[in-house]
């Protein structure tokens, strides 16, 4: 019996969910440490590849904004709902320290906006 890619993906997701729930705190810490080391080891000092090297930094930022805007506009209601649920869970699971960092980030970001951007 051959599974479709969606079924296979779902099975793997369920397996990983059960596996993670059954882990002890020690195993979770070990896994986090391994992932951190793996990231550090494979990140290296490689410079990130620059998309659209013929554009200036400002043009790249503007293009990214436009692409993101188009992406958000083309999302289906299901996708938007799924994203809302994901964000809600993510914010609920934040520690107080993370929430405070986020507030400070948004405060700085708001202060750096121009008057035109603030009025939108």
PDB file of N, CA and C in Angstrom:
ATOM      1  N   UNK A   1       0.836  -1.168   0.000  1.00  0.00           N
ATOM      2  CA  UNK A   1       0.000   0.000   0.000  1.00  0.00           C
ATOM      3  C   UNK A   1       0.895   1.250   0.000  1.00  0.00           C
ATOM      4  N   UNK A   2       0.825   2.008  -1.047  1.00  0.00           N
ATOM      5  CA  UNK A   2       1.639   3.207  -1.175  1.00  0.00           C
ATOM      6  C   UNK A   2       0.834   4.422  -0.715  1.00  0.00           C
ATOM      7  N   UNK A   3       1.431   5.200   0.156  1.00  0.00           N
ATOM      8  CA  UNK A   3       0.751   6.378   0.687  1.00  0.00           C
ATOM      9  C   UNK A   3       0.978   7.580  -0.220  1.00  0.00           C
ATOM     10  N   UNK A   4      -0.021   8.441  -0.262  1.00  0.00           N
ATOM     11  CA  UNK A   4       0.131   9.678  -1.022  1.00  0.00           C
ATOM     12  C   UNK A   4       1.074  10.592  -0.234  1.00  0.00           C
ATOM     13  N   UNK A   5       1.649  11.573  -0.889  1.00  0.00           N
ATOM     14  CA  UNK A   5       2.556  12.480  -0.175  1.00  0.00           C
ATOM     15  C   UNK A   5       1.886  13.170   1.022  1.00  0.00           C
ATOM     16  N   UNK A   6       0.596  13.527   0.880  1.00  0.00           N
ATOM     17  CA  UNK A   6      -0.111  14.178   1.988  1.00  0.00           C
ATOM     18  C   UNK A   6      -0.263  13.225   3.167  1.00  0.00           C
ATOM     19  N   UNK A   7      -0.630  11.970   2.876  1.00  0.00           N
ATOM     20  CA  UNK A   7      -0.796  10.977   3.938  1.00  0.00           C
ATOM     21  C   UNK A   7       0.536  10.702   4.642  1.00  0.00           C
ATOM     22  N   UNK A   8       1.598  10.594   3.841  1.00  0.00           N
ATOM     23  CA  UNK A   8       2.915  10.352   4.397  1.00  0.00           C
ATOM     24  C   UNK A   8       3.324  11.504   5.317  1.00  0.00           C
ATOM     25  N   UNK A   9       3.072  12.709   4.839  1.00  0.00           N
ATOM     26  CA  UNK A   9       3.406  13.894   5.623  1.00  0.00           C
ATOM     27  C   UNK A   9       2.618  13.913   6.938  1.00  0.00           C
ATOM     28  N   UNK A  10       1.343  13.557   6.865  1.00  0.00           N
ATOM     29  CA  UNK A  10       0.489  13.523   8.049  1.00  0.00           C
ATOM     30  C   UNK A  10       0.968  12.468   9.048  1.00  0.00           C
ATOM     31  N   UNK A  11       1.336  11.301   8.538  1.00  0.00           N
ATOM     32  CA  UNK A  11       1.831  10.234   9.413  1.00  0.00           C
ATOM     33  C   UNK A  11       3.111  10.647  10.128  1.00  0.00           C
ATOM     34  N   UNK A  12       4.008  11.257   9.392  1.00  0.00           N
ATOM     35  CA  UNK A  12       5.267  11.712   9.975  1.00  0.00           C
ATOM     36  C   UNK A  12       4.990  12.758  11.046  1.00  0.00           C
ATOM     37  N   UNK A  13       4.064  13.653  10.754  1.00  0.00           N
ATOM     38  CA  UNK A  13       3.714  14.701  11.708  1.00  0.00           C
ATOM     39  C   UNK A  13       3.157  14.094  12.997  1.00  0.00           C
ATOM     40  N   UNK A  14       2.264  13.119  12.870  1.00  0.00           N
ATOM     41  CA  UNK A  14       1.686  12.447  14.036  1.00  0.00           C
ATOM     42  C   UNK A  14       2.768  11.698  14.825  1.00  0.00           C
ATOM     43  N   UNK A  15       3.645  11.016  14.091  1.00  0.00           N
ATOM     44  CA  UNK A  15       4.725  10.276  14.736  1.00  0.00           C
ATOM     45  C   UNK A  15       5.606  11.217  15.553  1.00  0.00           C
ATOM     46  N   UNK A  16       6.007  12.328  14.946  1.00  0.00           N
ATOM     47  CA  UNK A  16       6.869  13.293  15.634  1.00  0.00           C
ATOM     48  C   UNK A  16       6.172  13.916  16.839  1.00  0.00           C
ATOM     49  N   UNK A  17       4.876  14.154  16.702  1.00  0.00           N
ATOM     50  CA  UNK A  17       4.117  14.724  17.814  1.00  0.00           C
ATOM     51  C   UNK A  17       4.114  13.764  19.008  1.00  0.00           C
ATOM     52  N   UNK A  18       3.817  12.490  18.748  1.00  0.00           N
ATOM     53  CA  UNK A  18       3.818  11.492  19.827  1.00  0.00           C
ATOM     54  C   UNK A  18       5.205  11.342  20.423  1.00  0.00           C
ATOM     55  N   UNK A  19       6.212  11.315  19.555  1.00  0.00           N
ATOM     56  CA  UNK A  19       7.592  11.145  19.998  1.00  0.00           C
ATOM     57  C   UNK A  19       8.014  12.291  20.905  1.00  0.00           C
ATOM     58  N   UNK A  20       7.673  13.504  20.517  1.00  0.00           N
ATOM     59  CA  UNK A  20       8.065  14.661  21.314  1.00  0.00           C
ATOM     60  C   UNK A  20       7.316  14.696  22.641  1.00  0.00           C
ATOM     61  N   UNK A  21       6.051  14.290  22.639  1.00  0.00           N
ATOM     62  CA  UNK A  21       5.273  14.272  23.883  1.00  0.00           C
ATOM     63  C   UNK A  21       5.825  13.253  24.869  1.00  0.00           C
ATOM     64  N   UNK A  22       6.381  12.167  24.362  1.00  0.00           N
ATOM     65  CA  UNK A  22       6.892  11.109  25.220  1.00  0.00           C
ATOM     66  C   UNK A  22       8.326  11.340  25.693  1.00  0.00           C
ATOM     67  N   UNK A  23       8.942  12.410  25.229  1.00  0.00           N
ATOM     68  CA  UNK A  23      10.323  12.698  25.637  1.00  0.00           C
ATOM     69  C   UNK A  23      10.356  13.208  27.079  1.00  0.00           C
ATOM     70  N   UNK A  24      11.425  12.871  27.751  1.00  0.00           N
ATOM     71  CA  UNK A  24      11.646  13.432  29.086  1.00  0.00           C
ATOM     72  C   UNK A  24      12.266  14.814  28.917  1.00  0.00           C
ATOM     73  N   UNK A  25      12.292  15.591  29.993  1.00  0.00           N
ATOM     74  CA  UNK A  25      12.894  16.922  29.928  1.00  0.00           C
ATOM     75  C   UNK A  25      14.372  16.836  29.555  1.00  0.00           C
ATOM     76  N   UNK A  26      15.022  15.812  30.068  1.00  0.00           N
ATOM     77  CA  UNK A  26      16.444  15.625  29.762  1.00  0.00           C
ATOM     78  C   UNK A  26      16.649  15.374  28.265  1.00  0.00           C
ATOM     79  N   UNK A  27      15.783  14.545  27.682  1.00  0.00           N
ATOM     80  CA  UNK A  27      15.888  14.258  26.253  1.00  0.00           C
ATOM     81  C   UNK A  27      15.608  15.509  25.428  1.00  0.00           C
ATOM     82  N   UNK A  28      14.639  16.312  25.870  1.00  0.00           N
ATOM     83  CA  UNK A  28      14.325  17.557  25.153  1.00  0.00           C
ATOM     84  C   UNK A  28      15.522  18.500  25.173  1.00  0.00           C
ATOM     85  N   UNK A  29      16.145  18.623  26.350  1.00  0.00           N
ATOM     86  CA  UNK A  29      17.317  19.488  26.461  1.00  0.00           C
ATOM     87  C   UNK A  29      18.444  18.996  25.552  1.00  0.00           C
ATOM     88  N   UNK A  30      18.648  17.689  25.538  1.00  0.00           N
ATOM     89  CA  UNK A  30      19.695  17.098  24.707  1.00  0.00           C
ATOM     90  C   UNK A  30      19.417  17.396  23.226  1.00  0.00           C
ATOM     91  N   UNK A  31      18.155  17.283  22.840  1.00  0.00           N
ATOM     92  CA  UNK A  31      17.758  17.543  21.455  1.00  0.00           C
ATOM     93  C   UNK A  31      17.975  19.014  21.093  1.00  0.00           C
ATOM     94  N   UNK A  32      17.582  19.919  22.000  1.00  0.00           N
ATOM     95  CA  UNK A  32      17.787  21.346  21.759  1.00  0.00           C
ATOM     96  C   UNK A  32      19.260  21.664  21.607  1.00  0.00           C
ATOM     97  N   UNK A  33      20.075  21.082  22.470  1.00  0.00           N
ATOM     98  CA  UNK A  33      21.522  21.314  22.421  1.00  0.00           C
ATOM     99  C   UNK A  33      22.099  20.815  21.097  1.00  0.00           C
ATOM    100  N   UNK A  34      21.650  19.628  20.672  1.00  0.00           N
ATOM    101  CA  UNK A  34      22.121  19.076  19.411  1.00  0.00           C
ATOM    102  C   UNK A  34      21.731  19.982  18.245  1.00  0.00           C
ATOM    103  N   UNK A  35      20.498  20.460  18.250  1.00  0.00           N
ATOM    104  CA  UNK A  35      20.045  21.341  17.175  1.00  0.00           C
ATOM    105  C   UNK A  35      20.841  22.638  17.160  1.00  0.00           C
ATOM    106  N   UNK A  36      21.135  23.191  18.330  1.00  0.00           N
ATOM    107  CA  UNK A  36      21.918  24.416  18.430  1.00  0.00           C
ATOM    108  C   UNK A  36      23.320  24.194  17.867  1.00  0.00           C
ATOM    109  N   UNK A  37      23.938  23.069  18.256  1.00  0.00           N
ATOM    110  CA  UNK A  37      25.277  22.758  17.756  1.00  0.00           C
ATOM    111  C   UNK A  37      25.271  22.546  16.245  1.00  0.00           C
ATOM    112  N   UNK A  38      24.254  21.850  15.767  1.00  0.00           N
ATOM    113  CA  UNK A  38      24.140  21.589  14.330  1.00  0.00           C
ATOM    114  C   UNK A  38      24.030  22.912  13.575  1.00  0.00           C
ATOM    115  N   UNK A  39      23.207  23.808  14.078  1.00  0.00           N
ATOM    116  CA  UNK A  39      23.032  25.105  13.449  1.00  0.00           C
ATOM    117  C   UNK A  39      24.350  25.871  13.415  1.00  0.00           C
ATOM    118  N   UNK A  40      25.028  25.915  14.560  1.00  0.00           N
ATOM    119  CA  UNK A  40      26.306  26.632  14.634  1.00  0.00           C
ATOM    120  C   UNK A  40      27.346  26.022  13.700  1.00  0.00           C
ATOM    121  N   UNK A  41      27.375  24.699  13.673  1.00  0.00           N
ATOM    122  CA  UNK A  41      28.372  23.998  12.856  1.00  0.00           C
ATOM    123  C   UNK A  41      28.135  24.232  11.371  1.00  0.00           C
ATOM    124  N   UNK A  42      26.900  24.252  10.946  1.00  0.00           N
ATOM    125  CA  UNK A  42      26.592  24.353   9.528  1.00  0.00           C
ATOM    126  C   UNK A  42      26.348  25.768   9.035  1.00  0.00           C
ATOM    127  N   UNK A  43      26.227  26.690   9.969  1.00  0.00           N
ATOM    128  CA  UNK A  43      26.011  28.070   9.567  1.00  0.00           C
ATOM    129  C   UNK A  43      27.284  28.635   8.976  1.00  0.00           C
ATOM    130  N   UNK A  44      28.365  28.449   9.685  1.00  0.00           N
ATOM    131  CA  UNK A  44      29.661  28.913   9.199  1.00  0.00           C
ATOM    132  C   UNK A  44      29.701  30.416   9.042  1.00  0.00           C
ATOM    133  N   UNK A  45      30.705  30.876   8.343  1.00  0.00           N
ATOM    134  CA  UNK A  45      30.855  32.305   8.099  1.00  0.00           C
ATOM    135  C   UNK A  45      30.499  32.654   6.662  1.00  0.00           C
ATOM    136  N   UNK A  46      29.674  31.814   6.090  1.00  0.00           N
ATOM    137  CA  UNK A  46      29.279  32.069   4.708  1.00  0.00           C
ATOM    138  C   UNK A  46      28.385  33.300   4.635  1.00  0.00           C
ATOM    139  N   UNK A  47      28.654  34.175   3.701  1.00  0.00           N
ATOM    140  CA  UNK A  47      27.739  35.313   3.531  1.00  0.00           C
ATOM    141  C   UNK A  47      26.449  34.823   2.876  1.00  0.00           C
ATOM    142  N   UNK A  48      25.362  35.445   3.241  1.00  0.00           N
ATOM    143  CA  UNK A  48      24.090  35.055   2.645  1.00  0.00           C
ATOM    144  C   UNK A  48      24.075  35.461   1.185  1.00  0.00           C
ATOM    145  N   UNK A  49      23.437  34.638   0.393  1.00  0.00           N
ATOM    146  CA  UNK A  49      23.316  34.956  -1.027  1.00  0.00           C
ATOM    147  C   UNK A  49      22.352  36.116  -1.172  1.00  0.00           C
ATOM    148  N   UNK A  50      22.734  37.104  -1.930  1.00  0.00           N
ATOM    149  CA  UNK A  50      21.906  38.296  -2.102  1.00  0.00           C
ATOM    150  C   UNK A  50      21.002  38.094  -3.311  1.00  0.00           C
ATOM    151  N   UNK A  51      19.710  38.158  -3.044  1.00  0.00           N
ATOM    152  CA  UNK A  51      18.755  38.079  -4.144  1.00  0.00           C
ATOM    153  C   UNK A  51      18.746  39.408  -4.880  1.00  0.00           C
ATOM    154  N   UNK A  52      18.631  39.362  -6.165  1.00  0.00           N
ATOM    155  CA  UNK A  52      18.601  40.553  -7.012  1.00  0.00           C
ATOM    156  C   UNK A  52      19.796  41.457  -6.755  1.00  0.00           C
ATOM    157  N   UNK A  53      20.999  40.968  -7.045  1.00  0.00           N
ATOM    158  CA  UNK A  53      22.203  41.758  -6.762  1.00  0.00           C
ATOM    159  C   UNK A  53      22.296  43.054  -7.563  1.00  0.00           C
ATOM    160  N   UNK A  54      21.507  43.152  -8.650  1.00  0.00           N
ATOM    161  CA  UNK A  54      21.565  44.370  -9.461  1.00  0.00           C
ATOM    162  C   UNK A  54      20.712  45.498  -8.869  1.00  0.00           C
ATOM    163  N   UNK A  55      19.964  45.220  -7.768  1.00  0.00           N
ATOM    164  CA  UNK A  55      19.154  46.253  -7.130  1.00  0.00           C
ATOM    165  C   UNK A  55      19.889  46.829  -5.926  1.00  0.00           C
ATOM    166  N   UNK A  56      19.545  48.059  -5.590  1.00  0.00           N
ATOM    167  CA  UNK A  56      20.127  48.654  -4.384  1.00  0.00           C
ATOM    168  C   UNK A  56      19.417  48.075  -3.165  1.00  0.00           C
ATOM    169  N   UNK A  57      19.969  48.336  -1.997  1.00  0.00           N
ATOM    170  CA  UNK A  57      19.388  47.825  -0.745  1.00  0.00           C
ATOM    171  C   UNK A  57      17.942  48.309  -0.581  1.00  0.00           C
ATOM    172  N   UNK A  58      17.722  49.574  -0.869  1.00  0.00           N
ATOM    173  CA  UNK A  58      16.376  50.155  -0.723  1.00  0.00           C
ATOM    174  C   UNK A  58      15.394  49.521  -1.715  1.00  0.00           C
ATOM    175  N   UNK A  59      15.850  49.291  -2.939  1.00  0.00           N
ATOM    176  CA  UNK A  59      14.984  48.652  -3.943  1.00  0.00           C
ATOM    177  C   UNK A  59      14.651  47.212  -3.541  1.00  0.00           C
ATOM    178  N   UNK A  60      15.642  46.523  -2.952  1.00  0.00           N
ATOM    179  CA  UNK A  60      15.394  45.152  -2.482  1.00  0.00           C
ATOM    180  C   UNK A  60      14.323  45.129  -1.400  1.00  0.00           C
ATOM    181  N   UNK A  61      14.437  46.071  -0.450  1.00  0.00           N
ATOM    182  CA  UNK A  61      13.451  46.148   0.635  1.00  0.00           C
ATOM    183  C   UNK A  61      12.058  46.424   0.076  1.00  0.00           C
ATOM    184  N   UNK A  62      11.985  47.337  -0.875  1.00  0.00           N
ATOM    185  CA  UNK A  62      10.693  47.679  -1.469  1.00  0.00           C
ATOM    186  C   UNK A  62      10.103  46.482  -2.221  1.00  0.00           C
ATOM    187  N   UNK A  63      10.950  45.766  -2.935  1.00  0.00           N
ATOM    188  CA  UNK A  63      10.482  44.582  -3.662  1.00  0.00           C
ATOM    189  C   UNK A  63       9.977  43.524  -2.688  1.00  0.00           C
ATOM    190  N   UNK A  64      10.689  43.346  -1.602  1.00  0.00           N
ATOM    191  CA  UNK A  64      10.273  42.367  -0.600  1.00  0.00           C
ATOM    192  C   UNK A  64       8.925  42.762  -0.002  1.00  0.00           C
ATOM    193  N   UNK A  65       8.741  44.041   0.303  1.00  0.00           N
ATOM    194  CA  UNK A  65       7.460  44.526   0.847  1.00  0.00           C
ATOM    195  C   UNK A  65       6.315  44.235  -0.125  1.00  0.00           C
ATOM    196  N   UNK A  66       6.555  44.535  -1.395  1.00  0.00           N
ATOM    197  CA  UNK A  66       5.523  44.304  -2.415  1.00  0.00           C
ATOM    198  C   UNK A  66       5.203  42.821  -2.548  1.00  0.00           C
ATOM    199  N   UNK A  67       6.236  41.988  -2.543  1.00  0.00           N
ATOM    200  CA  UNK A  67       6.015  40.540  -2.652  1.00  0.00           C
ATOM    201  C   UNK A  67       5.221  40.010  -1.463  1.00  0.00           C
ATOM    202  N   UNK A  68       5.584  40.471  -0.262  1.00  0.00           N
ATOM    203  CA  UNK A  68       4.868  40.039   0.933  1.00  0.00           C
ATOM    204  C   UNK A  68       3.417  40.503   0.912  1.00  0.00           C
ATOM    205  N   UNK A  69       3.214  41.720   0.454  1.00  0.00           N
ATOM    206  CA  UNK A  69       1.857  42.259   0.374  1.00  0.00           C
ATOM    207  C   UNK A  69       1.016  41.425  -0.596  1.00  0.00           C
ATOM    208  N   UNK A  70       1.599  41.120  -1.743  1.00  0.00           N
ATOM    209  CA  UNK A  70       0.903  40.305  -2.743  1.00  0.00           C
ATOM    210  C   UNK A  70       0.612  38.909  -2.190  1.00  0.00           C
ATOM    211  N   UNK A  71       1.576  38.348  -1.473  1.00  0.00           N
ATOM    212  CA  UNK A  71       1.403  37.022  -0.875  1.00  0.00           C
ATOM    213  C   UNK A  71       0.239  37.025   0.117  1.00  0.00           C
ATOM    214  N   UNK A  72       0.208  38.033   0.984  1.00  0.00           N
ATOM    215  CA  UNK A  72      -0.865  38.105   1.986  1.00  0.00           C
ATOM    216  C   UNK A  72      -2.228  38.307   1.329  1.00  0.00           C
ATOM    217  N   UNK A  73      -2.273  39.095   0.265  1.00  0.00           N
ATOM    218  CA  UNK A  73      -3.546  39.343  -0.420  1.00  0.00           C
ATOM    219  C   UNK A  73      -4.055  38.090  -1.129  1.00  0.00           C
ATOM    220  N   UNK A  74      -3.151  37.255  -1.587  1.00  0.00           N
ATOM    221  CA  UNK A  74      -3.546  36.060  -2.324  1.00  0.00           C
ATOM    222  C   UNK A  74      -3.825  34.856  -1.432  1.00  0.00           C
ATOM    223  N   UNK A  75      -3.682  35.028  -0.131  1.00  0.00           N
ATOM    224  CA  UNK A  75      -3.942  33.912   0.775  1.00  0.00           C
ATOM    225  C   UNK A  75      -5.434  33.598   0.806  1.00  0.00           C
ATOM    226  N   UNK A  76      -5.749  32.317   0.933  1.00  0.00           N
ATOM    227  CA  UNK A  76      -7.145  31.924   1.064  1.00  0.00           C
ATOM    228  C   UNK A  76      -7.579  32.167   2.508  1.00  0.00           C
ATOM    229  N   UNK A  77      -8.885  32.115   2.741  1.00  0.00           N
ATOM    230  CA  UNK A  77      -9.389  32.307   4.106  1.00  0.00           C
ATOM    231  C   UNK A  77      -8.850  31.225   5.029  1.00  0.00           C
ATOM    232  N   UNK A  78      -8.756  29.997   4.509  1.00  0.00           N
ATOM    233  CA  UNK A  78      -8.226  28.888   5.313  1.00  0.00           C
ATOM    234  C   UNK A  78      -6.794  29.165   5.737  1.00  0.00           C
ATOM    235  N   UNK A  79      -5.989  29.652   4.801  1.00  0.00           N
ATOM    236  CA  UNK A  79      -4.593  29.947   5.107  1.00  0.00           C
ATOM    237  C   UNK A  79      -4.485  31.063   6.142  1.00  0.00           C
ATOM    238  N   UNK A  80      -5.331  32.088   5.996  1.00  0.00           N
ATOM    239  CA  UNK A  80      -5.315  33.190   6.948  1.00  0.00           C
ATOM    240  C   UNK A  80      -5.719  32.701   8.336  1.00  0.00           C
ATOM    241  N   UNK A  81      -6.732  31.848   8.383  1.00  0.00           N
ATOM    242  CA  UNK A  81      -7.189  31.304   9.660  1.00  0.00           C
ATOM    243  C   UNK A  81      -6.101  30.456  10.314  1.00  0.00           C
ATOM    244  N   UNK A  82      -5.447  29.636   9.500  1.00  0.00           N
ATOM    245  CA  UNK A  82      -4.369  28.787  10.005  1.00  0.00           C
ATOM    246  C   UNK A  82      -3.227  29.640  10.557  1.00  0.00           C
ATOM    247  N   UNK A  83      -2.904  30.712   9.863  1.00  0.00           N
ATOM    248  CA  UNK A  83      -1.851  31.623  10.300  1.00  0.00           C
ATOM    249  C   UNK A  83      -2.229  32.296  11.625  1.00  0.00           C
ATOM    250  N   UNK A  84      -3.488  32.700  11.749  1.00  0.00           N
ATOM    251  CA  UNK A  84      -3.954  33.319  13.000  1.00  0.00           C
ATOM    252  C   UNK A  84      -3.822  32.348  14.167  1.00  0.00           C
ATOM    253  N   UNK A  85      -4.222  31.103  13.946  1.00  0.00           N
ATOM    254  CA  UNK A  85      -4.124  30.095  14.998  1.00  0.00           C
ATOM    255  C   UNK A  85      -2.665  29.863  15.395  1.00  0.00           C
ATOM    256  N   UNK A  86      -1.806  29.786  14.397  1.00  0.00           N
ATOM    257  CA  UNK A  86      -0.382  29.582  14.660  1.00  0.00           C
ATOM    258  C   UNK A  86       0.170  30.734  15.497  1.00  0.00           C
ATOM    259  N   UNK A  87      -0.141  31.968  15.099  1.00  0.00           N
ATOM    260  CA  UNK A  87       0.353  33.139  15.833  1.00  0.00           C
ATOM    261  C   UNK A  87      -0.182  33.160  17.250  1.00  0.00           C
ATOM    262  N   UNK A  88      -1.442  32.817  17.394  1.00  0.00           N
ATOM    263  CA  UNK A  88      -2.048  32.813  18.727  1.00  0.00           C
ATOM    264  C   UNK A  88      -1.317  31.830  19.645  1.00  0.00           C
ATOM    265  N   UNK A  89      -1.054  30.617  19.156  1.00  0.00           N
ATOM    266  CA  UNK A  89      -0.324  29.622  19.950  1.00  0.00           C
ATOM    267  C   UNK A  89       1.085  30.113  20.257  1.00  0.00           C
ATOM    268  N   UNK A  90       1.724  30.706  19.252  1.00  0.00           N
ATOM    269  CA  UNK A  90       3.091  31.171  19.413  1.00  0.00           C
ATOM    270  C   UNK A  90       3.175  32.246  20.500  1.00  0.00           C
ATOM    271  N   UNK A  91       2.256  33.186  20.485  1.00  0.00           N
ATOM    272  CA  UNK A  91       2.275  34.261  21.469  1.00  0.00           C
ATOM    273  C   UNK A  91       1.928  33.747  22.861  1.00  0.00           C
ATOM    274  N   UNK A  92       1.053  32.764  22.957  1.00  0.00           N
ATOM    275  CA  UNK A  92       0.693  32.206  24.251  1.00  0.00           C
ATOM    276  C   UNK A  92       1.873  31.475  24.881  1.00  0.00           C
ATOM    277  N   UNK A  93       2.709  30.877  24.045  1.00  0.00           N
ATOM    278  CA  UNK A  93       3.831  30.091  24.553  1.00  0.00           C
ATOM    279  C   UNK A  93       5.078  30.928  24.849  1.00  0.00           C
ATOM    280  N   UNK A  94       4.997  32.224  24.603  1.00  0.00           N
ATOM    281  CA  UNK A  94       6.157  33.081  24.867  1.00  0.00           C
ATOM    282  C   UNK A  94       6.347  33.279  26.367  1.00  0.00           C
ATOM    283  N   UNK A  95       7.597  33.394  26.757  1.00  0.00           N
ATOM    284  CA  UNK A  95       7.888  33.713  28.154  1.00  0.00           C
ATOM    285  C   UNK A  95       7.702  35.216  28.342  1.00  0.00           C
ATOM    286  N   UNK A  96       7.640  35.647  29.591  1.00  0.00           N
ATOM    287  CA  UNK A  96       7.485  37.084  29.870  1.00  0.00           C
ATOM    288  C   UNK A  96       8.657  37.875  29.293  1.00  0.00           C
ATOM    289  N   UNK A  97       9.846  37.289  29.363  1.00  0.00           N
ATOM    290  CA  UNK A  97      11.034  37.960  28.832  1.00  0.00           C
ATOM    291  C   UNK A  97      10.897  38.169  27.319  1.00  0.00           C
ATOM    292  N   UNK A  98      10.432  37.138  26.627  1.00  0.00           N
ATOM    293  CA  UNK A  98      10.254  37.244  25.182  1.00  0.00           C
ATOM    294  C   UNK A  98       9.184  38.273  24.838  1.00  0.00           C
ATOM    295  N   UNK A  99       8.104  38.287  25.628  1.00  0.00           N
ATOM    296  CA  UNK A  99       7.036  39.268  25.394  1.00  0.00           C
ATOM    297  C   UNK A  99       7.561  40.684  25.574  1.00  0.00           C
ATOM    298  N   UNK A 100       8.389  40.867  26.588  1.00  0.00           N
ATOM    299  CA  UNK A 100       8.950  42.193  26.853  1.00  0.00           C
ATOM    300  C   UNK A 100       9.874  42.617  25.709  1.00  0.00           C
ATOM    301  N   UNK A 101      10.698  41.706  25.229  1.00  0.00           N
ATOM    302  CA  UNK A 101      11.587  42.012  24.100  1.00  0.00           C
ATOM    303  C   UNK A 101      10.765  42.408  22.873  1.00  0.00           C
ATOM    304  N   UNK A 102       9.681  41.709  22.657  1.00  0.00           N
ATOM    305  CA  UNK A 102       8.810  41.977  21.516  1.00  0.00           C
ATOM    306  C   UNK A 102       8.187  43.371  21.635  1.00  0.00           C
ATOM    307  N   UNK A 103       7.734  43.715  22.828  1.00  0.00           N
ATOM    308  CA  UNK A 103       7.146  45.047  23.048  1.00  0.00           C
ATOM    309  C   UNK A 103       8.178  46.139  22.763  1.00  0.00           C
ATOM    310  N   UNK A 104       9.404  45.933  23.256  1.00  0.00           N
ATOM    311  CA  UNK A 104      10.464  46.923  23.031  1.00  0.00           C
ATOM    312  C   UNK A 104      10.778  47.055  21.547  1.00  0.00           C
ATOM    313  N   UNK A 105      10.805  45.923  20.857  1.00  0.00           N
ATOM    314  CA  UNK A 105      11.078  45.946  19.419  1.00  0.00           C
ATOM    315  C   UNK A 105      10.011  46.759  18.689  1.00  0.00           C
ATOM    316  N   UNK A 106       8.746  46.511  19.010  1.00  0.00           N
ATOM    317  CA  UNK A 106       7.665  47.231  18.345  1.00  0.00           C
ATOM    318  C   UNK A 106       7.680  48.715  18.702  1.00  0.00           C
ATOM    319  N   UNK A 107       8.065  49.015  19.932  1.00  0.00           N
ATOM    320  CA  UNK A 107       8.148  50.413  20.350  1.00  0.00           C
ATOM    321  C   UNK A 107       9.207  51.137  19.523  1.00  0.00           C
ATOM    322  N   UNK A 108      10.403  50.533  19.399  1.00  0.00           N
ATOM    323  CA  UNK A 108      11.480  51.145  18.593  1.00  0.00           C
ATOM    324  C   UNK A 108      11.048  51.267  17.136  1.00  0.00           C
ATOM    325  N   UNK A 109      10.405  50.240  16.647  1.00  0.00           N
ATOM    326  CA  UNK A 109       9.973  50.226  15.250  1.00  0.00           C
ATOM    327  C   UNK A 109       8.963  51.348  14.997  1.00  0.00           C
ATOM    328  N   UNK A 110       8.041  51.533  15.939  1.00  0.00           N
ATOM    329  CA  UNK A 110       7.041  52.590  15.793  1.00  0.00           C
ATOM    330  C   UNK A 110       7.689  53.967  15.832  1.00  0.00           C
ATOM    331  N   UNK A 111       8.662  54.148  16.690  1.00  0.00           N
ATOM    332  CA  UNK A 111       9.344  55.438  16.798  1.00  0.00           C
ATOM    333  C   UNK A 111      10.126  55.772  15.537  1.00  0.00           C
ATOM    334  N   UNK A 112      10.607  54.752  14.834  1.00  0.00           N
ATOM    335  CA  UNK A 112      11.423  54.982  13.642  1.00  0.00           C
ATOM    336  C   UNK A 112      10.592  55.223  12.387  1.00  0.00           C
ATOM    337  N   UNK A 113       9.299  55.052  12.492  1.00  0.00           N
ATOM    338  CA  UNK A 113       8.461  55.256  11.315  1.00  0.00           C
ATOM    339  C   UNK A 113       8.325  56.740  10.995  1.00  0.00           C
ATOM    340  N   UNK A 114       8.090  57.035   9.739  1.00  0.00           N
ATOM    341  CA  UNK A 114       7.885  58.428   9.350  1.00  0.00           C
ATOM    342  C   UNK A 114       6.449  58.818   9.683  1.00  0.00           C
ATOM    343  N   UNK A 115       6.170  60.120   9.628  1.00  0.00           N
ATOM    344  CA  UNK A 115       4.813  60.599   9.911  1.00  0.00           C
ATOM    345  C   UNK A 115       3.807  59.999   8.917  1.00  0.00           C
ATOM    346  N   UNK A 116       4.210  59.917   7.666  1.00  0.00           N
ATOM    347  CA  UNK A 116       3.312  59.355   6.634  1.00  0.00           C
ATOM    348  C   UNK A 116       2.940  57.918   6.961  1.00  0.00           C
ATOM    349  N   UNK A 117       3.923  57.118   7.401  1.00  0.00           N
ATOM    350  CA  UNK A 117       3.668  55.732   7.742  1.00  0.00           C
ATOM    351  C   UNK A 117       2.764  55.620   8.969  1.00  0.00           C
ATOM    352  N   UNK A 118       2.947  56.548   9.923  1.00  0.00           N
ATOM    353  CA  UNK A 118       2.136  56.514  11.136  1.00  0.00           C
ATOM    354  C   UNK A 118       0.670  56.826  10.856  1.00  0.00           C
ATOM    355  N   UNK A 119       0.429  57.638   9.844  1.00  0.00           N
ATOM    356  CA  UNK A 119      -0.937  58.045   9.535  1.00  0.00           C
ATOM    357  C   UNK A 119      -1.707  57.015   8.705  1.00  0.00           C
ATOM    358  N   UNK A 120      -1.032  56.021   8.219  1.00  0.00           N
ATOM    359  CA  UNK A 120      -1.713  55.016   7.383  1.00  0.00           C
ATOM    360  C   UNK A 120      -2.658  54.181   8.178  1.00  0.00           C
TER     361      UNK A 120
END
